[in-house]
Structure formats: structure tokens, C-alpha cells
N, C-alpha and C. Protein backbone atom coordinates (compact mmCIF):
# COMPACT_ATOMS: atom_id res chain seq x y z
N MET A 1 92.94 102.54 11.01
CA MET A 1 93.19 103.97 10.72
C MET A 1 93.26 104.15 9.18
N LEU A 2 92.48 105.03 8.61
CA LEU A 2 92.45 105.27 7.20
C LEU A 2 92.75 106.72 7.00
N GLU A 3 93.74 106.98 6.12
CA GLU A 3 93.94 108.33 5.69
C GLU A 3 93.79 108.43 4.12
N LEU A 4 93.02 109.35 3.70
CA LEU A 4 92.74 109.56 2.29
C LEU A 4 93.66 110.76 1.91
N VAL A 5 94.53 110.64 0.92
CA VAL A 5 95.39 111.63 0.46
C VAL A 5 95.02 112.04 -0.99
N THR A 6 94.77 113.36 -1.13
CA THR A 6 94.44 113.75 -2.58
C THR A 6 95.36 114.97 -2.85
N GLY A 7 95.34 115.30 -4.14
CA GLY A 7 96.14 116.45 -4.63
C GLY A 7 96.18 116.36 -6.15
N GLY A 8 96.58 117.43 -6.74
CA GLY A 8 96.74 117.51 -8.14
C GLY A 8 97.99 116.78 -8.62
N SER A 9 98.14 116.67 -9.92
CA SER A 9 99.31 116.06 -10.51
C SER A 9 100.60 116.80 -10.09
N GLY A 10 101.59 116.06 -9.66
CA GLY A 10 102.84 116.66 -9.25
C GLY A 10 102.81 117.42 -7.99
N SER A 11 101.75 117.21 -7.15
CA SER A 11 101.57 117.95 -5.88
C SER A 11 102.48 117.40 -4.68
N GLY A 12 102.99 116.25 -4.88
CA GLY A 12 103.74 115.61 -3.81
C GLY A 12 102.96 114.70 -2.93
N LYS A 13 101.77 114.29 -3.42
CA LYS A 13 100.85 113.42 -2.63
C LYS A 13 101.41 112.06 -2.43
N SER A 14 102.07 111.52 -3.43
CA SER A 14 102.64 110.17 -3.33
C SER A 14 103.76 110.10 -2.32
N ALA A 15 104.64 111.12 -2.29
CA ALA A 15 105.73 111.17 -1.32
C ALA A 15 105.18 111.31 0.08
N TYR A 16 104.16 112.17 0.22
CA TYR A 16 103.55 112.33 1.51
C TYR A 16 102.93 111.06 2.03
N ALA A 17 102.17 110.39 1.15
CA ALA A 17 101.49 109.13 1.51
C ALA A 17 102.48 108.07 1.96
N GLU A 18 103.54 107.97 1.17
CA GLU A 18 104.62 107.02 1.58
C GLU A 18 105.20 107.33 2.91
N SER A 19 105.42 108.57 3.16
CA SER A 19 106.05 108.99 4.39
C SER A 19 105.09 108.70 5.62
N ARG A 20 103.76 108.84 5.45
CA ARG A 20 102.80 108.58 6.46
C ARG A 20 102.76 107.15 6.82
N ILE A 21 102.61 106.23 5.77
CA ILE A 21 102.48 104.87 6.06
C ILE A 21 103.75 104.28 6.65
N CYS A 22 104.93 104.79 6.19
CA CYS A 22 106.19 104.34 6.74
C CYS A 22 106.42 104.87 8.16
N GLU A 23 105.92 105.99 8.46
CA GLU A 23 105.97 106.54 9.82
C GLU A 23 105.20 105.61 10.80
N TRP A 24 103.99 105.22 10.42
CA TRP A 24 103.18 104.35 11.23
C TRP A 24 103.86 103.00 11.40
N ASN A 25 104.50 102.59 10.27
CA ASN A 25 105.11 101.27 10.30
C ASN A 25 106.38 101.25 11.18
N ARG A 26 107.10 102.35 11.19
CA ARG A 26 108.26 102.46 12.09
C ARG A 26 107.89 102.39 13.54
N GLN A 27 106.78 102.98 13.89
CA GLN A 27 106.30 103.05 15.25
C GLN A 27 105.81 101.71 15.73
N ASP A 28 105.27 100.87 14.82
CA ASP A 28 104.80 99.52 15.20
C ASP A 28 105.02 98.69 13.94
N PRO A 29 106.23 98.13 13.79
CA PRO A 29 106.46 97.33 12.58
C PRO A 29 105.61 96.12 12.35
N LYS A 30 105.16 96.00 11.11
CA LYS A 30 104.36 94.90 10.65
C LYS A 30 104.53 94.82 9.15
N PRO A 31 104.00 93.83 8.43
CA PRO A 31 104.15 93.71 7.03
C PRO A 31 103.69 95.02 6.37
N LEU A 32 104.39 95.45 5.36
CA LEU A 32 104.14 96.75 4.67
C LEU A 32 103.92 96.46 3.22
N PHE A 33 102.69 96.78 2.74
CA PHE A 33 102.24 96.50 1.35
C PHE A 33 101.97 97.79 0.59
N TYR A 34 102.32 97.74 -0.70
CA TYR A 34 102.01 98.77 -1.64
C TYR A 34 101.10 98.16 -2.73
N ILE A 35 99.87 98.52 -2.80
CA ILE A 35 98.98 98.07 -3.84
C ILE A 35 99.07 99.08 -4.97
N ALA A 36 99.72 98.59 -6.06
CA ALA A 36 99.98 99.40 -7.26
C ALA A 36 98.84 99.17 -8.23
N THR A 37 98.17 100.22 -8.69
CA THR A 37 96.98 100.06 -9.55
C THR A 37 97.25 100.65 -10.96
N MET A 38 98.37 101.27 -11.22
CA MET A 38 98.59 101.79 -12.56
C MET A 38 98.95 100.69 -13.54
N TYR A 39 98.09 100.50 -14.50
CA TYR A 39 98.29 99.46 -15.52
C TYR A 39 99.37 99.95 -16.45
N PRO A 40 100.42 99.14 -16.72
CA PRO A 40 101.49 99.61 -17.62
C PRO A 40 101.08 99.49 -19.09
N TYR A 41 100.50 100.52 -19.69
CA TYR A 41 100.04 100.47 -20.99
C TYR A 41 100.78 101.27 -22.04
N GLY A 42 101.95 101.81 -21.67
CA GLY A 42 102.74 102.56 -22.66
C GLY A 42 103.97 103.10 -21.98
N GLU A 43 104.76 103.80 -22.81
CA GLU A 43 106.03 104.29 -22.30
C GLU A 43 105.86 105.35 -21.18
N GLU A 44 104.82 106.14 -21.28
CA GLU A 44 104.64 107.21 -20.20
C GLU A 44 104.30 106.56 -18.86
N THR A 45 103.43 105.54 -18.92
CA THR A 45 103.05 104.92 -17.66
C THR A 45 104.19 104.12 -17.16
N GLU A 46 104.95 103.46 -17.98
CA GLU A 46 106.14 102.73 -17.55
C GLU A 46 107.12 103.68 -16.83
N LYS A 47 107.35 104.85 -17.29
CA LYS A 47 108.18 105.83 -16.64
C LYS A 47 107.61 106.22 -15.26
N LYS A 48 106.33 106.45 -15.19
CA LYS A 48 105.67 106.77 -13.89
C LYS A 48 105.89 105.62 -12.91
N ILE A 49 105.60 104.40 -13.35
CA ILE A 49 105.71 103.25 -12.54
C ILE A 49 107.18 103.12 -12.00
N GLU A 50 108.14 103.27 -12.85
CA GLU A 50 109.53 103.21 -12.50
C GLU A 50 109.90 104.28 -11.49
N ARG A 51 109.41 105.51 -11.63
CA ARG A 51 109.61 106.55 -10.70
C ARG A 51 109.10 106.22 -9.34
N HIS A 52 107.87 105.66 -9.27
CA HIS A 52 107.33 105.25 -8.04
C HIS A 52 108.07 104.12 -7.40
N ARG A 53 108.59 103.18 -8.17
CA ARG A 53 109.41 102.11 -7.65
C ARG A 53 110.65 102.70 -6.95
N MET A 54 111.25 103.65 -7.60
CA MET A 54 112.47 104.23 -7.05
C MET A 54 112.17 105.03 -5.79
N LEU A 55 110.94 105.69 -5.72
CA LEU A 55 110.58 106.44 -4.51
C LEU A 55 110.46 105.51 -3.30
N ARG A 56 109.95 104.32 -3.52
CA ARG A 56 109.71 103.40 -2.41
C ARG A 56 110.84 102.35 -2.19
N LYS A 57 111.87 102.43 -3.05
CA LYS A 57 113.00 101.48 -2.90
C LYS A 57 113.55 101.57 -1.54
N GLY A 58 113.80 100.40 -0.95
CA GLY A 58 114.50 100.35 0.31
C GLY A 58 113.67 100.67 1.54
N LYS A 59 112.31 100.87 1.34
CA LYS A 59 111.45 101.24 2.40
C LYS A 59 110.69 100.02 3.07
N GLY A 60 110.93 98.89 2.40
CA GLY A 60 110.33 97.73 2.99
C GLY A 60 108.99 97.26 2.45
N PHE A 61 108.55 97.90 1.41
CA PHE A 61 107.26 97.56 0.79
C PHE A 61 107.31 96.26 0.03
N GLU A 62 106.30 95.44 0.17
CA GLU A 62 106.07 94.34 -0.77
C GLU A 62 104.98 94.85 -1.79
N THR A 63 105.31 94.91 -3.05
CA THR A 63 104.40 95.46 -4.00
C THR A 63 103.42 94.40 -4.58
N LEU A 64 102.16 94.76 -4.59
CA LEU A 64 101.10 93.94 -5.10
C LEU A 64 100.51 94.73 -6.32
N GLU A 65 100.61 94.22 -7.46
CA GLU A 65 100.13 94.84 -8.68
C GLU A 65 98.66 94.35 -8.94
N TRP A 66 97.68 95.14 -8.39
CA TRP A 66 96.31 94.80 -8.50
C TRP A 66 95.58 95.88 -9.22
N TYR A 67 95.29 95.62 -10.57
CA TYR A 67 94.73 96.63 -11.46
C TYR A 67 93.27 96.66 -11.34
N THR A 68 92.60 95.58 -11.05
CA THR A 68 91.18 95.42 -10.82
C THR A 68 90.94 94.41 -9.73
N GLY A 69 89.67 94.31 -9.27
CA GLY A 69 89.30 93.25 -8.36
C GLY A 69 89.87 93.40 -6.94
N LEU A 70 89.94 94.65 -6.40
CA LEU A 70 90.42 94.82 -5.04
C LEU A 70 89.72 93.92 -4.09
N LYS A 71 88.44 93.86 -4.15
CA LYS A 71 87.62 93.07 -3.24
C LYS A 71 87.97 91.57 -3.39
N LEU A 72 88.14 91.10 -4.57
CA LEU A 72 88.43 89.70 -4.79
C LEU A 72 89.86 89.33 -4.33
N HIS A 73 90.81 90.25 -4.46
CA HIS A 73 92.18 89.98 -4.01
C HIS A 73 92.16 89.85 -2.53
N LEU A 74 91.31 90.63 -1.81
CA LEU A 74 91.31 90.70 -0.41
C LEU A 74 90.59 89.54 0.29
N GLU A 75 89.83 88.76 -0.49
CA GLU A 75 89.11 87.64 0.05
C GLU A 75 89.94 86.63 0.82
N GLU A 76 91.19 86.48 0.34
CA GLU A 76 92.05 85.56 0.99
C GLU A 76 92.60 85.91 2.31
N GLY A 77 92.41 87.20 2.67
CA GLY A 77 92.85 87.72 4.01
C GLY A 77 94.39 87.86 4.12
N SER A 78 95.05 88.00 3.01
CA SER A 78 96.57 88.07 3.07
C SER A 78 97.15 89.29 3.65
N LEU A 79 96.32 90.37 3.89
CA LEU A 79 96.87 91.57 4.41
C LEU A 79 96.51 91.80 5.87
N GLN A 80 96.09 90.74 6.53
CA GLN A 80 95.69 90.79 7.92
C GLN A 80 96.76 91.46 8.88
N GLY A 81 96.41 92.53 9.54
CA GLY A 81 97.28 93.20 10.51
C GLY A 81 98.46 93.95 9.87
N SER A 82 98.40 94.21 8.57
CA SER A 82 99.48 94.90 7.86
C SER A 82 99.22 96.41 7.76
N ASP A 83 100.25 97.16 7.23
CA ASP A 83 100.11 98.53 6.83
C ASP A 83 100.09 98.57 5.33
N VAL A 84 99.18 99.33 4.75
CA VAL A 84 98.95 99.26 3.33
C VAL A 84 98.85 100.63 2.72
N LEU A 85 99.49 100.88 1.61
CA LEU A 85 99.42 102.08 0.78
C LEU A 85 98.75 101.67 -0.51
N LEU A 86 97.62 102.24 -0.81
CA LEU A 86 96.92 101.95 -2.11
C LEU A 86 97.17 103.18 -2.96
N GLU A 87 97.88 102.97 -4.12
CA GLU A 87 98.31 104.03 -5.01
C GLU A 87 97.79 103.63 -6.40
N CYS A 88 96.84 104.13 -7.04
CA CYS A 88 96.02 105.25 -6.65
C CYS A 88 94.63 104.91 -7.07
N MET A 89 93.70 105.42 -6.30
CA MET A 89 92.26 105.20 -6.52
C MET A 89 91.78 105.62 -7.88
N SER A 90 92.41 106.74 -8.47
CA SER A 90 91.94 107.19 -9.78
C SER A 90 92.24 106.11 -10.83
N ASN A 91 93.41 105.50 -10.73
CA ASN A 91 93.74 104.44 -11.71
C ASN A 91 92.87 103.18 -11.51
N LEU A 92 92.62 102.84 -10.23
CA LEU A 92 91.78 101.64 -9.97
C LEU A 92 90.37 101.78 -10.57
N VAL A 93 89.81 103.04 -10.38
CA VAL A 93 88.50 103.34 -10.87
C VAL A 93 88.43 103.22 -12.38
N ALA A 94 89.47 103.84 -13.07
CA ALA A 94 89.56 103.74 -14.52
C ALA A 94 89.68 102.34 -15.01
N ASN A 95 90.57 101.60 -14.35
CA ASN A 95 90.74 100.15 -14.72
C ASN A 95 89.39 99.34 -14.56
N GLU A 96 88.70 99.58 -13.45
CA GLU A 96 87.44 98.90 -13.21
C GLU A 96 86.42 99.22 -14.28
N MET A 97 86.44 100.46 -14.74
CA MET A 97 85.45 100.88 -15.69
C MET A 97 85.77 100.42 -17.11
N PHE A 98 87.10 100.40 -17.46
CA PHE A 98 87.39 100.24 -18.90
C PHE A 98 88.11 98.97 -19.24
N GLU A 99 88.79 98.27 -18.28
CA GLU A 99 89.39 97.04 -18.60
C GLU A 99 88.36 95.92 -18.76
N GLU A 100 88.71 94.95 -19.65
CA GLU A 100 87.77 93.86 -19.90
C GLU A 100 87.30 93.17 -18.63
N GLN A 101 88.26 92.93 -17.71
CA GLN A 101 87.96 92.16 -16.50
C GLN A 101 87.45 93.05 -15.40
N GLY A 102 87.19 94.30 -15.64
CA GLY A 102 86.74 95.29 -14.69
C GLY A 102 85.27 95.11 -14.27
N ALA A 103 84.88 95.94 -13.32
CA ALA A 103 83.47 95.81 -12.81
C ALA A 103 82.50 96.66 -13.64
N HIS A 104 82.96 97.46 -14.49
CA HIS A 104 82.15 98.35 -15.41
C HIS A 104 81.09 99.11 -14.60
N ASP A 105 79.80 98.82 -14.85
CA ASP A 105 78.75 99.69 -14.17
C ASP A 105 78.62 99.36 -12.70
N ARG A 106 79.36 98.37 -12.17
CA ARG A 106 79.39 98.02 -10.75
C ARG A 106 80.59 98.60 -10.07
N THR A 107 81.34 99.51 -10.71
CA THR A 107 82.57 100.03 -10.25
C THR A 107 82.49 100.62 -8.81
N VAL A 108 81.51 101.44 -8.58
CA VAL A 108 81.35 102.15 -7.28
C VAL A 108 81.17 101.17 -6.21
N SER A 109 80.24 100.25 -6.40
CA SER A 109 79.97 99.24 -5.29
C SER A 109 81.15 98.29 -5.13
N GLU A 110 81.80 97.83 -6.14
CA GLU A 110 82.85 96.91 -6.06
C GLU A 110 84.10 97.52 -5.36
N VAL A 111 84.48 98.75 -5.74
CA VAL A 111 85.58 99.39 -5.17
C VAL A 111 85.34 99.81 -3.69
N THR A 112 84.05 100.24 -3.44
CA THR A 112 83.71 100.58 -2.00
C THR A 112 83.77 99.33 -1.13
N LYS A 113 83.31 98.21 -1.61
CA LYS A 113 83.38 96.98 -0.89
C LYS A 113 84.82 96.58 -0.67
N GLY A 114 85.66 96.82 -1.71
CA GLY A 114 87.07 96.53 -1.63
C GLY A 114 87.74 97.33 -0.56
N ILE A 115 87.37 98.58 -0.46
CA ILE A 115 87.94 99.44 0.59
C ILE A 115 87.57 98.94 1.99
N GLU A 116 86.30 98.61 2.13
CA GLU A 116 85.78 98.04 3.43
C GLU A 116 86.58 96.80 3.78
N ASN A 117 86.76 95.90 2.83
CA ASN A 117 87.50 94.71 3.11
C ASN A 117 88.97 94.96 3.50
N LEU A 118 89.54 95.92 2.87
CA LEU A 118 90.91 96.34 3.15
C LEU A 118 90.97 96.84 4.59
N LEU A 119 90.01 97.69 4.93
CA LEU A 119 89.99 98.26 6.34
C LEU A 119 89.69 97.19 7.41
N GLU A 120 89.03 96.11 7.10
CA GLU A 120 88.82 95.06 8.00
C GLU A 120 90.08 94.27 8.31
N GLN A 121 91.01 94.27 7.36
CA GLN A 121 92.19 93.49 7.43
C GLN A 121 93.43 94.30 7.97
N ALA A 122 93.61 95.46 7.41
CA ALA A 122 94.90 96.20 7.66
C ALA A 122 94.77 97.05 8.93
N ALA A 123 95.91 97.18 9.51
CA ALA A 123 95.97 98.10 10.74
C ALA A 123 95.91 99.55 10.32
N HIS A 124 96.71 99.90 9.33
CA HIS A 124 96.77 101.24 8.84
C HIS A 124 96.65 101.27 7.32
N VAL A 125 95.86 102.18 6.74
CA VAL A 125 95.77 102.24 5.34
C VAL A 125 95.85 103.71 4.90
N VAL A 126 96.61 103.94 3.86
CA VAL A 126 96.66 105.25 3.20
C VAL A 126 96.25 104.98 1.79
N ILE A 127 95.29 105.78 1.34
CA ILE A 127 94.78 105.69 -0.07
C ILE A 127 95.03 106.97 -0.78
N VAL A 128 95.70 106.97 -1.89
CA VAL A 128 95.98 108.13 -2.71
C VAL A 128 94.99 108.23 -3.80
N THR A 129 94.47 109.44 -4.00
CA THR A 129 93.53 109.71 -5.14
C THR A 129 93.94 111.01 -5.72
N ASN A 130 93.36 111.34 -6.89
CA ASN A 130 93.71 112.58 -7.56
C ASN A 130 92.61 113.64 -7.44
N GLU A 131 92.98 114.91 -7.26
CA GLU A 131 92.07 116.01 -7.27
C GLU A 131 91.88 116.46 -8.67
N ILE A 132 90.91 115.95 -9.33
CA ILE A 132 90.61 116.28 -10.79
C ILE A 132 89.29 116.91 -10.96
N PHE A 133 88.63 117.37 -9.83
CA PHE A 133 87.25 117.79 -9.92
C PHE A 133 87.15 119.33 -9.94
N SER A 134 88.28 120.07 -9.79
CA SER A 134 88.22 121.52 -9.76
C SER A 134 88.43 122.15 -11.11
N ASP A 135 88.63 121.36 -12.15
CA ASP A 135 88.72 121.93 -13.46
C ASP A 135 87.44 122.47 -13.90
N ALA A 136 87.44 123.46 -14.77
CA ALA A 136 86.19 124.08 -15.26
C ALA A 136 85.81 123.45 -16.57
N VAL A 137 86.36 122.35 -16.92
CA VAL A 137 86.07 121.68 -18.21
C VAL A 137 84.77 120.87 -18.04
N VAL A 138 83.94 120.91 -19.08
CA VAL A 138 82.76 120.07 -19.10
C VAL A 138 83.03 118.81 -19.86
N PHE A 139 82.70 117.70 -19.29
CA PHE A 139 82.97 116.37 -19.89
C PHE A 139 81.66 115.74 -20.28
N ASP A 140 81.74 114.74 -21.13
CA ASP A 140 80.52 114.00 -21.42
C ASP A 140 80.98 112.52 -21.66
N GLY A 141 80.02 111.65 -21.84
CA GLY A 141 80.26 110.25 -22.07
C GLY A 141 81.04 109.53 -21.01
N ASP A 142 82.05 108.73 -21.39
CA ASP A 142 82.81 108.01 -20.48
C ASP A 142 83.58 108.84 -19.43
N MET A 143 84.02 110.03 -19.83
CA MET A 143 84.77 110.80 -18.83
C MET A 143 83.81 111.31 -17.79
N ASP A 144 82.59 111.66 -18.21
CA ASP A 144 81.61 112.15 -17.18
C ASP A 144 81.30 110.98 -16.19
N SER A 145 81.08 109.78 -16.73
CA SER A 145 80.85 108.69 -15.85
C SER A 145 82.00 108.43 -14.91
N TYR A 146 83.24 108.49 -15.47
CA TYR A 146 84.42 108.27 -14.65
C TYR A 146 84.47 109.27 -13.51
N LEU A 147 84.29 110.51 -13.83
CA LEU A 147 84.23 111.57 -12.71
C LEU A 147 83.17 111.27 -11.73
N GLU A 148 82.00 110.93 -12.15
CA GLU A 148 80.91 110.55 -11.23
C GLU A 148 81.26 109.39 -10.29
N TYR A 149 81.76 108.36 -10.87
CA TYR A 149 82.16 107.17 -10.10
C TYR A 149 83.27 107.48 -9.11
N LEU A 150 84.33 108.18 -9.63
CA LEU A 150 85.44 108.51 -8.73
C LEU A 150 85.00 109.45 -7.63
N GLY A 151 84.13 110.34 -7.95
CA GLY A 151 83.65 111.28 -6.95
C GLY A 151 82.80 110.53 -5.89
N LYS A 152 81.96 109.58 -6.22
CA LYS A 152 81.27 108.78 -5.26
C LYS A 152 82.19 107.95 -4.37
N ILE A 153 83.16 107.36 -5.00
CA ILE A 153 84.11 106.54 -4.26
C ILE A 153 84.93 107.36 -3.34
N ASN A 154 85.42 108.53 -3.77
CA ASN A 154 86.20 109.43 -2.91
C ASN A 154 85.35 109.95 -1.73
N GLN A 155 84.09 110.24 -2.01
CA GLN A 155 83.26 110.68 -1.00
C GLN A 155 83.04 109.59 0.17
N ALA A 156 82.82 108.39 -0.32
CA ALA A 156 82.63 107.23 0.63
C ALA A 156 83.87 106.98 1.43
N ALA A 157 85.04 107.10 0.73
CA ALA A 157 86.30 106.87 1.38
C ALA A 157 86.58 108.02 2.42
N ALA A 158 86.26 109.27 2.04
CA ALA A 158 86.44 110.42 2.92
C ALA A 158 85.52 110.31 4.16
N GLN A 159 84.35 109.89 3.99
CA GLN A 159 83.42 109.65 5.10
C GLN A 159 84.01 108.67 6.09
N ARG A 160 84.55 107.55 5.56
CA ARG A 160 85.07 106.43 6.37
C ARG A 160 86.43 106.84 6.94
N ALA A 161 87.14 107.76 6.34
CA ALA A 161 88.55 108.07 6.75
C ALA A 161 88.60 108.75 8.10
N ASP A 162 89.69 108.48 8.82
CA ASP A 162 90.04 109.21 10.06
C ASP A 162 90.64 110.56 9.67
N GLU A 163 91.36 110.57 8.58
CA GLU A 163 91.97 111.81 8.11
C GLU A 163 91.85 111.97 6.59
N VAL A 164 91.58 113.25 6.21
CA VAL A 164 91.56 113.50 4.74
C VAL A 164 92.58 114.64 4.59
N VAL A 165 93.56 114.45 3.72
CA VAL A 165 94.60 115.39 3.49
C VAL A 165 94.73 115.73 1.99
N GLU A 166 94.77 117.02 1.65
CA GLU A 166 95.12 117.44 0.38
C GLU A 166 96.58 117.98 0.38
N VAL A 167 97.32 117.46 -0.53
CA VAL A 167 98.66 117.93 -0.68
C VAL A 167 98.78 119.00 -1.74
N VAL A 168 99.21 120.17 -1.35
CA VAL A 168 99.29 121.36 -2.25
C VAL A 168 100.77 121.74 -2.28
N TYR A 169 101.42 121.70 -3.39
CA TYR A 169 102.81 122.07 -3.51
C TYR A 169 103.72 121.45 -2.48
N GLY A 170 103.38 120.22 -2.12
CA GLY A 170 104.19 119.53 -1.14
C GLY A 170 103.76 119.70 0.30
N ILE A 171 102.79 120.58 0.50
CA ILE A 171 102.31 120.90 1.87
C ILE A 171 101.01 120.19 2.19
N PRO A 172 100.98 119.40 3.25
CA PRO A 172 99.70 118.75 3.59
C PRO A 172 98.72 119.67 4.22
N VAL A 173 97.48 119.75 3.76
CA VAL A 173 96.46 120.55 4.23
C VAL A 173 95.37 119.58 4.74
N PHE A 174 95.10 119.57 6.00
CA PHE A 174 94.18 118.59 6.64
C PHE A 174 92.73 119.19 6.50
N HIS A 175 91.89 118.42 5.82
CA HIS A 175 90.46 118.78 5.70
C HIS A 175 89.69 117.99 6.73
N LYS A 176 90.17 116.94 7.25
CA LYS A 176 89.54 116.11 8.23
C LYS A 176 90.76 115.47 9.04
N SER A 177 90.64 115.68 10.32
CA SER A 177 91.73 115.08 11.13
C SER A 177 91.09 114.50 12.40
N ALA A 178 91.69 113.42 12.81
CA ALA A 178 91.18 112.71 14.03
C ALA A 178 91.21 113.68 15.24
N ASP A 179 92.18 114.57 15.27
CA ASP A 179 92.28 115.49 16.36
C ASP A 179 91.27 116.64 16.34
N THR A 180 90.93 117.17 15.17
CA THR A 180 90.19 118.38 15.11
C THR A 180 88.89 118.19 14.50
N CYS A 181 88.38 117.03 14.12
CA CYS A 181 87.15 116.85 13.37
C CYS A 181 85.97 117.14 14.24
N SER A 182 85.02 117.85 13.70
CA SER A 182 83.74 118.09 14.40
C SER A 182 82.82 116.89 14.21
N ASN A 183 81.68 116.94 14.85
CA ASN A 183 80.74 115.76 14.68
C ASN A 183 80.23 115.69 13.21
N LEU A 184 80.33 116.73 12.48
CA LEU A 184 79.90 116.66 11.04
C LEU A 184 80.75 115.76 10.20
N CYS A 185 82.01 115.59 10.64
CA CYS A 185 82.96 114.74 9.85
C CYS A 185 82.76 113.27 10.18
N LYS A 186 82.13 112.97 11.25
CA LYS A 186 82.04 111.58 11.68
C LYS A 186 80.91 110.85 11.16
């Protein structure tokens, strides 16, 4: 089961995603992992990371700090049969594009393969991503490439997902649901 959760900054998507994976885990307990992708590169990111640590404190997560190389980390099969929250695709894509050890121009294929590997191993997966595509701003250069790569990865994940949810002001809005999806979604 894959659920893709999107939303704008401060929308409540992280809290929603954590509640979903924890709900599945309560129904059928198994190892619970949190793949953290935000690279701690300054005071602002350190504060965000600490906030997320506090949000998931006491919920039973084992945190894996994987900034790049999702596919490579998963080759060992360490997440077999587990429940996994990947937070967040937007950071992972940026890391793959711009970090020295990242995939660079192979970002789309490497991240997409990583998602497939994750789905082969885990029982339930929730992936958080950011809704950054509705801005009317025109970008160029690296930012334009980033948006293109993230868009392709989000589309592939949404196609593969059982559910796609946008969180708006803390309210989940289902764009694709296992219960109501037409044949066009499958």
C-alpha cells in the first residue's frame, strides 16, 4: 500500500502522514521506519528537523537519515515487511541533484527505482512531497530542472500510489483513493 501525501508549506501534511502510517501500524504492528531526507545544512533546517523529531517522539519510529541513494540503501533488504514514512521527496530530489554524492542527471531514474525497491520491501509506505507547482513564478536553470525532476517523480509515484492526498489547512483532500478511483487512476 502506497499513499502519496502532498501539500503546501505548513499545510499539516507531515502530521497527517505520520497519523496514517501509525494508524496502519497499530492495526498490524511491525517495524516502523522514518526515512528522513532533510540534510542539516544550517540553523533553519536544524530547527525543522528538531520539530519533526518532536512530532514523532514516542510513536515507535526508527529514524534512518538517508539524504541520497534511496535505491542503494534498500539493496540490503533491511525494511522487509515494515511500515515506512519517507519525509520528504522534495528534499531527496534536491539532495540527489545538488549533493556531491547525488545522482545528478540520473535523479529521476534513481529515485523512481528507489521507490520501487521500497514498495517491494515494505508493507505500507507513506511518501510526503511538497506542492510547489501552483506558483505563477517562472524559473530557469537549476530550479527549472528541479521542478521538472520533482514533477516527473511525483507523477510516477502518484501513478503507482493506491491513494494520493493533498492536505489543505490540515484537511486531507483525496485525489485518488483505493475506494473511489476510476479506471483512469489505475
